[in-house]
Amino acid sequence: MRHPIPAALFALVFALAPLAATAGDDAVLYKDPDCGCCGEYAKVLEREGFRVRIKETTALDALRRMAGVPDKLASCHTVTVGNYVVEGHVPVAAVRKLLGEKPDIRGIALPGMPQGSPGMTGQKEGPFVVYEIGTRDASGQPKIFASE
C-alpha cells in the first residue's frame, strides 16, 4: 500500500527539484503510477534533448497546490525544469520559449489531456493554448503564454 508523502517532506523535495534542474535541460516529471501517457511525454522531452527523471506519486494534487497550479490548469502530470513548473502535455517549443525568455512566472500549463498533444494519441483539434501559471489578464483569466 502506498502512503502519501508527508506535506513538509513533499514541500522540501519539490522545492529542491528545480535546484537539481539548473543545468537547463534536466527535468523531473511527477506522475501517477498508473498513467501511461505521462511516460510518453517524457519520451518526447528526451527525444528533444531533455534529461528526464520520472517520479511516481499518488500525491499529484498536493504537488500542484504547492506549485501554485490552479485546478482549471491541471493535467495528468507535473514537470519541474529550470526554476519552472510545466503542467501537462505542453509542446516542447513552448517549454523552450519559457526556458529561453525566463519570464517572471511560476510556469506554464496545457490544461487537460488534448488529443494530438505531445505524448497523446489522436488528431490535434485546433491550436494548443498554453497558459501562464501565476498571472492573470484584466478579466481575471490566466494569461496566454503561447498558442500553437
Protein backbone atom coordinates (compact mmCIF):
# COMPACT_ATOMS: atom_id res chain seq x y z
CA MET A 1 0.00 0.00 0.00
CA ARG A 2 1.33 3.43 -0.95
CA HIS A 3 1.32 6.19 1.65
CA PRO A 4 1.15 9.85 0.70
CA ILE A 5 4.35 11.77 1.29
CA PRO A 6 4.05 13.97 4.40
CA ALA A 7 3.39 17.56 3.31
CA ALA A 8 6.57 19.00 4.86
CA LEU A 9 8.79 16.39 3.21
CA PHE A 10 6.96 16.75 -0.08
CA ALA A 11 7.41 20.54 0.02
CA LEU A 12 11.14 20.11 0.64
CA VAL A 13 11.54 17.62 -2.22
CA PHE A 14 9.54 19.85 -4.56
CA ALA A 15 11.46 22.96 -3.53
CA LEU A 16 14.81 21.26 -4.18
CA ALA A 17 13.83 19.73 -7.53
CA PRO A 18 14.40 22.97 -9.51
CA LEU A 19 17.85 23.29 -7.98
CA ALA A 20 18.76 19.93 -9.46
CA ALA A 21 17.48 21.10 -12.82
CA THR A 22 19.53 24.26 -13.18
CA ALA A 23 21.66 22.61 -15.84
CA GLY A 24 18.97 23.85 -18.22
CA ASP A 25 17.52 20.76 -19.78
CA ASP A 26 17.18 18.49 -16.75
CA ALA A 27 13.54 17.79 -15.93
CA VAL A 28 11.69 15.91 -13.21
CA LEU A 29 8.32 14.52 -14.26
CA TYR A 30 5.88 13.72 -11.44
CA LYS A 31 3.19 11.25 -12.48
CA ASP A 32 0.62 8.83 -11.17
CA PRO A 33 2.00 5.26 -11.25
CA ASP A 34 -0.95 4.13 -13.39
CA CYS A 35 -0.72 6.78 -16.12
CA GLY A 36 0.87 5.73 -19.42
CA CYS A 37 0.67 8.96 -21.40
CA CYS A 38 2.96 10.68 -18.89
CA GLY A 39 5.75 8.28 -19.81
CA GLU A 40 5.10 9.06 -23.46
CA TYR A 41 5.50 12.78 -22.72
CA ALA A 42 8.82 12.00 -21.00
CA LYS A 43 9.96 10.24 -24.20
CA VAL A 44 9.03 13.32 -26.25
CA LEU A 45 11.14 15.52 -23.96
CA GLU A 46 14.04 13.06 -24.13
CA ARG A 47 13.92 13.00 -27.95
CA GLU A 48 14.21 16.80 -27.79
CA GLY A 49 17.36 16.65 -25.66
CA PHE A 50 15.96 16.90 -22.13
CA ARG A 51 17.25 14.59 -19.42
CA VAL A 52 14.09 13.38 -17.70
CA ARG A 53 13.80 11.73 -14.32
CA ILE A 54 10.38 10.24 -13.58
CA LYS A 55 9.00 10.26 -10.04
CA GLU A 56 5.81 8.34 -9.42
CA THR A 57 3.48 9.71 -6.76
CA THR A 58 -0.11 9.42 -5.67
CA ALA A 59 0.02 12.98 -4.31
CA LEU A 60 -0.16 14.97 -7.57
CA ASP A 61 -2.96 17.23 -6.33
CA ALA A 62 -0.86 18.26 -3.33
CA LEU A 63 2.15 18.83 -5.58
CA ARG A 64 0.10 21.04 -7.89
CA ARG A 65 -1.23 23.10 -4.99
CA MET A 66 2.31 23.65 -3.66
CA ALA A 67 3.45 24.64 -7.14
CA GLY A 68 0.61 27.15 -7.48
CA VAL A 69 -1.12 25.34 -10.35
CA PRO A 70 -4.84 26.23 -10.28
CA ASP A 71 -7.27 23.34 -10.72
CA LYS A 72 -8.52 24.78 -14.01
CA LEU A 73 -4.98 24.43 -15.48
CA ALA A 74 -4.36 20.89 -14.18
CA SER A 75 -3.41 17.93 -16.32
CA CYS A 76 -2.13 14.42 -15.65
CA HIS A 77 1.50 15.18 -14.78
CA THR A 78 3.68 17.99 -13.48
CA VAL A 79 7.24 18.70 -14.61
CA THR A 80 9.87 20.86 -12.98
CA VAL A 81 12.53 22.22 -15.33
CA GLY A 82 14.86 25.09 -14.57
CA ASN A 83 13.03 27.15 -11.98
CA TYR A 84 9.65 26.50 -13.58
CA VAL A 85 6.65 24.19 -13.44
CA VAL A 86 5.34 22.74 -16.69
CA GLU A 87 1.87 21.24 -16.28
CA GLY A 88 0.60 18.70 -18.79
CA HIS A 89 1.40 17.85 -22.39
CA VAL A 90 2.91 21.24 -23.24
CA PRO A 91 4.50 21.41 -26.71
CA VAL A 92 8.30 21.44 -26.50
CA ALA A 93 8.50 24.73 -28.41
CA ALA A 94 6.63 26.42 -25.55
CA VAL A 95 8.95 24.82 -22.98
CA ARG A 96 11.97 26.07 -24.93
CA LYS A 97 10.42 29.54 -25.14
CA LEU A 98 9.90 29.52 -21.35
CA LEU A 99 13.50 28.50 -20.67
CA GLY A 100 14.87 30.95 -23.21
CA GLU A 101 12.86 34.02 -22.22
CA LYS A 102 12.89 33.33 -18.45
CA PRO A 103 9.71 35.30 -17.68
CA ASP A 104 8.80 36.13 -14.09
CA ILE A 105 6.05 33.48 -13.80
CA ARG A 106 5.71 30.18 -11.95
CA GLY A 107 5.45 28.16 -15.14
CA ILE A 108 3.16 27.15 -17.98
CA ALA A 109 0.28 24.73 -18.48
CA LEU A 110 -1.68 22.97 -21.19
CA PRO A 111 -4.85 22.01 -19.28
CA GLY A 112 -6.44 18.61 -19.64
CA MET A 113 -5.09 15.99 -21.99
CA PRO A 114 -5.75 17.30 -25.52
CA GLN A 115 -5.70 14.75 -28.30
CA GLY A 116 -2.66 15.04 -30.53
CA SER A 117 -0.60 16.93 -27.96
CA PRO A 118 2.94 15.64 -27.27
CA GLY A 119 2.66 12.17 -25.74
CA MET A 120 -1.08 11.84 -26.50
CA THR A 121 -2.69 9.85 -29.28
CA GLY A 122 -5.33 11.17 -31.63
CA GLN A 123 -5.62 14.07 -34.00
CA LYS A 124 -4.99 17.66 -32.99
CA GLU A 125 -8.27 19.58 -32.99
CA GLY A 126 -7.27 23.23 -33.13
CA PRO A 127 -4.44 25.16 -31.54
CA PHE A 128 -2.97 24.17 -28.19
CA VAL A 129 -3.35 27.14 -25.86
CA VAL A 130 -0.60 27.21 -23.23
CA TYR A 131 -1.30 29.39 -20.20
CA GLU A 132 0.97 31.13 -17.72
CA ILE A 133 0.80 29.82 -14.17
CA GLY A 134 0.52 32.60 -11.61
CA THR A 135 -0.54 35.52 -13.83
CA ARG A 136 -3.96 36.74 -14.90
CA ASP A 137 -5.28 39.12 -17.52
CA ALA A 138 -7.57 42.09 -16.80
CA SER A 139 -10.65 39.82 -16.71
CA GLY A 140 -9.06 37.51 -14.11
CA GLN A 141 -8.36 34.67 -16.53
CA PRO A 142 -4.92 33.02 -16.81
CA LYS A 143 -2.75 34.80 -19.37
CA ILE A 144 -1.94 33.01 -22.60
CA PHE A 145 1.77 32.19 -22.93
CA ALA A 146 1.68 30.57 -26.38
CA SER A 147 -0.74 29.11 -28.90
CA GLU A 148 0.30 26.57 -31.49
